[in-house]
Amino acid sequence: MTRQRVNWSILKRDYVQSETPVSLEALADKYHTSKSMVFQHSSDESWVNAREDHWGKIAENVREQAITKTVKKQMTQLEKAESAFDGLVLAITAINKRIEKADFSDKVGKVEITKLMERLASLNTALDKMGRFTQLLKGNADSRIGVDLASLLSTDQDSDSE
């Protein structure tokens, strides 16, 4: 068997970058060269370290992409939560103004004020939940202690229907 000139950079690339780990022996067989020469080049050029570095960088890139995706998703959720929070504040402010202007002298006024007060209490509860949810999204560790996310996101109407 006639041995051909070996392109060692190709063997190194195959060893380092192969998605399924390939042995030095398998490379020697694939490229029709001696195992001892493959082992010698691998040792001299630190192929094992190069493989670990290569796949370590790929793993780090994958982790960074996953983190970036998670952060973007949480930022979107946070923006929605803050928008809803602002809407609740406006609704509470509007109800407070209506209460201040309400006429308590007749029965209709008393019924209206009772309904407004109930709605205000419901909105205050929702506002509190939204505030805790916003803190949770921002990563405030204290806000995560003892938080049941499902109950945090449930509405009073959900609990009334049970």
C-alpha atoms as a PDB file:
ATOM      1  CA  MET A   1       0.000   0.000   0.000  1.00  0.00           C
ATOM      2  CA  THR A   2       1.422   3.325  -1.078  1.00  0.00           C
ATOM      3  CA  ARG A   3       1.108   6.055   1.482  1.00  0.00           C
ATOM      4  CA  GLN A   4      -0.042   9.426   0.238  1.00  0.00           C
ATOM      5  CA  ARG A   5       1.102  12.748   1.593  1.00  0.00           C
ATOM      6  CA  VAL A   6      -1.123  13.559   4.578  1.00  0.00           C
ATOM      7  CA  ASN A   7      -2.693  16.971   5.045  1.00  0.00           C
ATOM      8  CA  TRP A   8      -2.451  17.174   8.836  1.00  0.00           C
ATOM      9  CA  SER A   9      -4.622  20.273   9.087  1.00  0.00           C
ATOM     10  CA  ILE A  10      -7.515  18.287   7.597  1.00  0.00           C
ATOM     11  CA  LEU A  11      -7.005  15.431  10.057  1.00  0.00           C
ATOM     12  CA  LYS A  12      -6.840  17.901  12.931  1.00  0.00           C
ATOM     13  CA  ARG A  13     -10.030  19.630  11.749  1.00  0.00           C
ATOM     14  CA  ASP A  14     -11.796  16.269  11.477  1.00  0.00           C
ATOM     15  CA  TYR A  15     -10.698  15.336  14.972  1.00  0.00           C
ATOM     16  CA  VAL A  16     -11.480  18.694  16.573  1.00  0.00           C
ATOM     17  CA  GLN A  17     -14.722  19.621  14.825  1.00  0.00           C
ATOM     18  CA  SER A  18     -16.395  16.257  14.222  1.00  0.00           C
ATOM     19  CA  GLU A  19     -19.918  16.329  15.692  1.00  0.00           C
ATOM     20  CA  THR A  20     -19.550  12.703  16.700  1.00  0.00           C
ATOM     21  CA  PRO A  21     -16.186  12.180  18.385  1.00  0.00           C
ATOM     22  CA  VAL A  22     -13.758  10.320  16.169  1.00  0.00           C
ATOM     23  CA  SER A  23     -10.776   8.376  17.498  1.00  0.00           C
ATOM     24  CA  LEU A  24      -7.224   8.918  16.362  1.00  0.00           C
ATOM     25  CA  GLU A  25      -7.146   5.305  15.208  1.00  0.00           C
ATOM     26  CA  ALA A  26     -10.220   5.867  13.024  1.00  0.00           C
ATOM     27  CA  LEU A  27      -8.543   8.920  11.461  1.00  0.00           C
ATOM     28  CA  ALA A  28      -5.407   6.910  10.718  1.00  0.00           C
ATOM     29  CA  ASP A  29      -7.541   4.290   8.973  1.00  0.00           C
ATOM     30  CA  LYS A  30      -9.633   6.864   7.106  1.00  0.00           C
ATOM     31  CA  TYR A  31      -6.601   8.741   5.751  1.00  0.00           C
ATOM     32  CA  HIS A  32      -4.424   5.639   5.235  1.00  0.00           C
ATOM     33  CA  THR A  33      -1.608   6.717   7.499  1.00  0.00           C
ATOM     34  CA  SER A  34       0.103   5.193  10.498  1.00  0.00           C
ATOM     35  CA  LYS A  35      -1.489   5.416  13.892  1.00  0.00           C
ATOM     36  CA  SER A  36       1.809   6.415  15.446  1.00  0.00           C
ATOM     37  CA  MET A  37       2.087   9.440  13.124  1.00  0.00           C
ATOM     38  CA  VAL A  38      -1.484  10.509  13.930  1.00  0.00           C
ATOM     39  CA  PHE A  39      -0.798  10.150  17.654  1.00  0.00           C
ATOM     40  CA  GLN A  40       2.459  12.109  17.280  1.00  0.00           C
ATOM     41  CA  HIS A  41       0.778  15.019  15.414  1.00  0.00           C
ATOM     42  CA  SER A  42      -2.122  14.986  17.861  1.00  0.00           C
ATOM     43  CA  SER A  43       0.254  15.219  20.798  1.00  0.00           C
ATOM     44  CA  ASP A  44       2.537  17.854  19.236  1.00  0.00           C
ATOM     45  CA  GLU A  45      -0.391  20.073  18.197  1.00  0.00           C
ATOM     46  CA  SER A  46      -2.594  19.487  21.281  1.00  0.00           C
ATOM     47  CA  TRP A  47      -5.599  18.200  19.332  1.00  0.00           C
ATOM     48  CA  VAL A  48      -7.378  17.077  22.502  1.00  0.00           C
ATOM     49  CA  ASN A  49      -7.188  20.585  24.001  1.00  0.00           C
ATOM     50  CA  ALA A  50      -8.229  22.094  20.675  1.00  0.00           C
ATOM     51  CA  ARG A  51     -11.289  19.789  20.603  1.00  0.00           C
ATOM     52  CA  GLU A  52     -12.240  20.732  24.165  1.00  0.00           C
ATOM     53  CA  ASP A  53     -11.792  24.446  23.391  1.00  0.00           C
ATOM     54  CA  HIS A  54     -13.810  24.190  20.170  1.00  0.00           C
ATOM     55  CA  TRP A  55     -16.787  22.414  21.741  1.00  0.00           C
ATOM     56  CA  GLY A  56     -16.524  24.538  24.890  1.00  0.00           C
ATOM     57  CA  LYS A  57     -16.898  27.692  22.775  1.00  0.00           C
ATOM     58  CA  ILE A  58     -19.867  26.194  20.945  1.00  0.00           C
ATOM     59  CA  ALA A  59     -21.503  25.251  24.253  1.00  0.00           C
ATOM     60  CA  GLU A  60     -20.898  28.775  25.587  1.00  0.00           C
ATOM     61  CA  ASN A  61     -22.440  30.298  22.452  1.00  0.00           C
ATOM     62  CA  VAL A  62     -25.496  28.071  22.828  1.00  0.00           C
ATOM     63  CA  ARG A  63     -25.822  29.092  26.499  1.00  0.00           C
ATOM     64  CA  GLU A  64     -25.499  32.775  25.599  1.00  0.00           C
ATOM     65  CA  GLN A  65     -28.144  32.454  22.874  1.00  0.00           C
ATOM     66  CA  ALA A  66     -30.506  30.699  25.293  1.00  0.00           C
ATOM     67  CA  ILE A  67     -29.938  33.385  27.921  1.00  0.00           C
ATOM     68  CA  THR A  68     -30.479  36.147  25.359  1.00  0.00           C
ATOM     69  CA  LYS A  69     -33.716  34.526  24.206  1.00  0.00           C
ATOM     70  CA  THR A  70     -34.922  34.135  27.791  1.00  0.00           C
ATOM     71  CA  VAL A  71     -34.039  37.730  28.665  1.00  0.00           C
ATOM     72  CA  LYS A  72     -35.840  39.061  25.581  1.00  0.00           C
ATOM     73  CA  LYS A  73     -38.921  37.011  26.469  1.00  0.00           C
ATOM     74  CA  GLN A  74     -38.848  38.251  30.063  1.00  0.00           C
ATOM     75  CA  MET A  75     -38.387  41.847  28.913  1.00  0.00           C
ATOM     76  CA  THR A  76     -41.466  41.515  26.682  1.00  0.00           C
ATOM     77  CA  GLN A  77     -43.431  40.078  29.608  1.00  0.00           C
ATOM     78  CA  LEU A  78     -42.147  42.844  31.852  1.00  0.00           C
ATOM     79  CA  GLU A  79     -43.190  45.531  29.360  1.00  0.00           C
ATOM     80  CA  LYS A  80     -46.675  44.004  29.166  1.00  0.00           C
ATOM     81  CA  ALA A  81     -46.868  43.764  32.946  1.00  0.00           C
ATOM     82  CA  GLU A  82     -45.790  47.379  33.368  1.00  0.00           C
ATOM     83  CA  SER A  83     -48.344  48.488  30.772  1.00  0.00           C
ATOM     84  CA  ALA A  84     -51.088  46.569  32.584  1.00  0.00           C
ATOM     85  CA  PHE A  85     -49.862  48.020  35.865  1.00  0.00           C
ATOM     86  CA  ASP A  86     -50.157  51.547  34.446  1.00  0.00           C
ATOM     87  CA  GLY A  87     -53.677  50.725  33.209  1.00  0.00           C
ATOM     88  CA  LEU A  88     -54.687  49.569  36.680  1.00  0.00           C
ATOM     89  CA  VAL A  89     -53.334  52.739  38.251  1.00  0.00           C
ATOM     90  CA  LEU A  90     -55.372  54.821  35.794  1.00  0.00           C
ATOM     91  CA  ALA A  91     -58.512  52.771  36.495  1.00  0.00           C
ATOM     92  CA  ILE A  92     -58.071  53.170  40.251  1.00  0.00           C
ATOM     93  CA  THR A  93     -57.527  56.897  39.852  1.00  0.00           C
ATOM     94  CA  ALA A  94     -60.700  57.203  37.765  1.00  0.00           C
ATOM     95  CA  ILE A  95     -62.736  55.267  40.331  1.00  0.00           C
ATOM     96  CA  ASN A  96     -61.373  57.400  43.169  1.00  0.00           C
ATOM     97  CA  LYS A  97     -62.446  60.547  41.283  1.00  0.00           C
ATOM     98  CA  ARG A  98     -65.939  59.115  40.735  1.00  0.00           C
ATOM     99  CA  ILE A  99     -66.171  58.258  44.433  1.00  0.00           C
ATOM    100  CA  GLU A 100     -65.172  61.803  45.376  1.00  0.00           C
ATOM    101  CA  LYS A 101     -67.951  63.190  43.141  1.00  0.00           C
ATOM    102  CA  ALA A 102     -70.575  60.619  44.137  1.00  0.00           C
ATOM    103  CA  ASP A 103     -73.846  61.765  45.705  1.00  0.00           C
ATOM    104  CA  PHE A 104     -74.535  59.686  48.826  1.00  0.00           C
ATOM    105  CA  SER A 105     -77.905  61.278  49.497  1.00  0.00           C
ATOM    106  CA  ASP A 106     -80.065  58.783  47.628  1.00  0.00           C
ATOM    107  CA  LYS A 107     -80.264  55.008  47.404  1.00  0.00           C
ATOM    108  CA  VAL A 108     -78.904  54.953  43.813  1.00  0.00           C
ATOM    109  CA  GLY A 109     -75.824  56.869  44.943  1.00  0.00           C
ATOM    110  CA  LYS A 110     -75.232  54.418  47.781  1.00  0.00           C
ATOM    111  CA  VAL A 111     -75.524  51.438  45.418  1.00  0.00           C
ATOM    112  CA  GLU A 112     -73.167  53.098  42.952  1.00  0.00           C
ATOM    113  CA  ILE A 113     -70.612  53.867  45.636  1.00  0.00           C
ATOM    114  CA  THR A 114     -70.799  50.281  46.922  1.00  0.00           C
ATOM    115  CA  LYS A 115     -70.142  48.934  43.416  1.00  0.00           C
ATOM    116  CA  LEU A 116     -67.309  51.403  42.922  1.00  0.00           C
ATOM    117  CA  MET A 117     -65.744  50.413  46.240  1.00  0.00           C
ATOM    118  CA  GLU A 118     -65.973  46.710  45.329  1.00  0.00           C
ATOM    119  CA  ARG A 119     -64.392  47.406  41.951  1.00  0.00           C
ATOM    120  CA  LEU A 120     -61.693  49.493  43.622  1.00  0.00           C
ATOM    121  CA  ALA A 121     -60.881  46.653  46.037  1.00  0.00           C
ATOM    122  CA  SER A 122     -60.674  44.226  43.110  1.00  0.00           C
ATOM    123  CA  LEU A 123     -58.399  46.584  41.177  1.00  0.00           C
ATOM    124  CA  ASN A 124     -56.186  47.115  44.226  1.00  0.00           C
ATOM    125  CA  THR A 125     -55.789  43.337  44.542  1.00  0.00           C
ATOM    126  CA  ALA A 126     -54.933  43.089  40.854  1.00  0.00           C
ATOM    127  CA  LEU A 127     -52.511  45.993  41.228  1.00  0.00           C
ATOM    128  CA  ASP A 128     -50.769  44.256  44.118  1.00  0.00           C
ATOM    129  CA  LYS A 129     -50.475  41.019  42.124  1.00  0.00           C
ATOM    130  CA  MET A 130     -49.190  42.903  39.113  1.00  0.00           C
ATOM    131  CA  GLY A 131     -46.574  44.627  41.261  1.00  0.00           C
ATOM    132  CA  ARG A 132     -45.376  41.308  42.661  1.00  0.00           C
ATOM    133  CA  PHE A 133     -45.357  39.792  39.166  1.00  0.00           C
ATOM    134  CA  THR A 134     -43.295  42.728  37.878  1.00  0.00           C
ATOM    135  CA  GLN A 135     -40.800  42.240  40.700  1.00  0.00           C
ATOM    136  CA  LEU A 136     -40.671  38.533  39.903  1.00  0.00           C
ATOM    137  CA  LEU A 137     -39.867  39.269  36.260  1.00  0.00           C
ATOM    138  CA  LYS A 138     -37.230  41.792  37.250  1.00  0.00           C
ATOM    139  CA  GLY A 139     -35.563  39.042  39.252  1.00  0.00           C
ATOM    140  CA  ASN A 140     -36.089  40.447  42.729  1.00  0.00           C
ATOM    141  CA  ALA A 141     -35.166  37.407  44.855  1.00  0.00           C
ATOM    142  CA  ASP A 142     -37.274  38.527  47.833  1.00  0.00           C
ATOM    143  CA  SER A 143     -40.375  38.609  45.639  1.00  0.00           C
ATOM    144  CA  ARG A 144     -39.836  34.941  44.656  1.00  0.00           C
ATOM    145  CA  ILE A 145     -39.947  33.610  48.188  1.00  0.00           C
ATOM    146  CA  GLY A 146     -43.165  31.667  48.676  1.00  0.00           C
ATOM    147  CA  VAL A 147     -44.638  32.821  45.358  1.00  0.00           C
ATOM    148  CA  ASP A 148     -47.058  30.504  43.633  1.00  0.00           C
ATOM    149  CA  LEU A 149     -47.026  31.918  40.108  1.00  0.00           C
ATOM    150  CA  ALA A 150     -50.395  30.371  39.218  1.00  0.00           C
ATOM    151  CA  SER A 151     -52.122  32.036  42.169  1.00  0.00           C
ATOM    152  CA  LEU A 152     -50.258  35.263  41.464  1.00  0.00           C
ATOM    153  CA  LEU A 153     -51.668  35.385  37.956  1.00  0.00           C
ATOM    154  CA  SER A 154     -55.171  34.204  38.832  1.00  0.00           C
ATOM    155  CA  THR A 155     -57.908  36.780  38.964  1.00  0.00           C
ATOM    156  CA  ASP A 156     -60.534  37.250  41.635  1.00  0.00           C
ATOM    157  CA  GLN A 157     -63.087  36.077  39.094  1.00  0.00           C
ATOM    158  CA  ASP A 158     -61.190  32.760  38.818  1.00  0.00           C
ATOM    159  CA  SER A 159     -61.455  32.213  42.557  1.00  0.00           C
ATOM    160  CA  ASP A 160     -65.121  33.292  42.595  1.00  0.00           C
ATOM    161  CA  SER A 161     -66.006  30.614  40.044  1.00  0.00           C
ATOM    162  CA  GLU A 162     -64.528  27.808  42.170  1.00  0.00           C
END
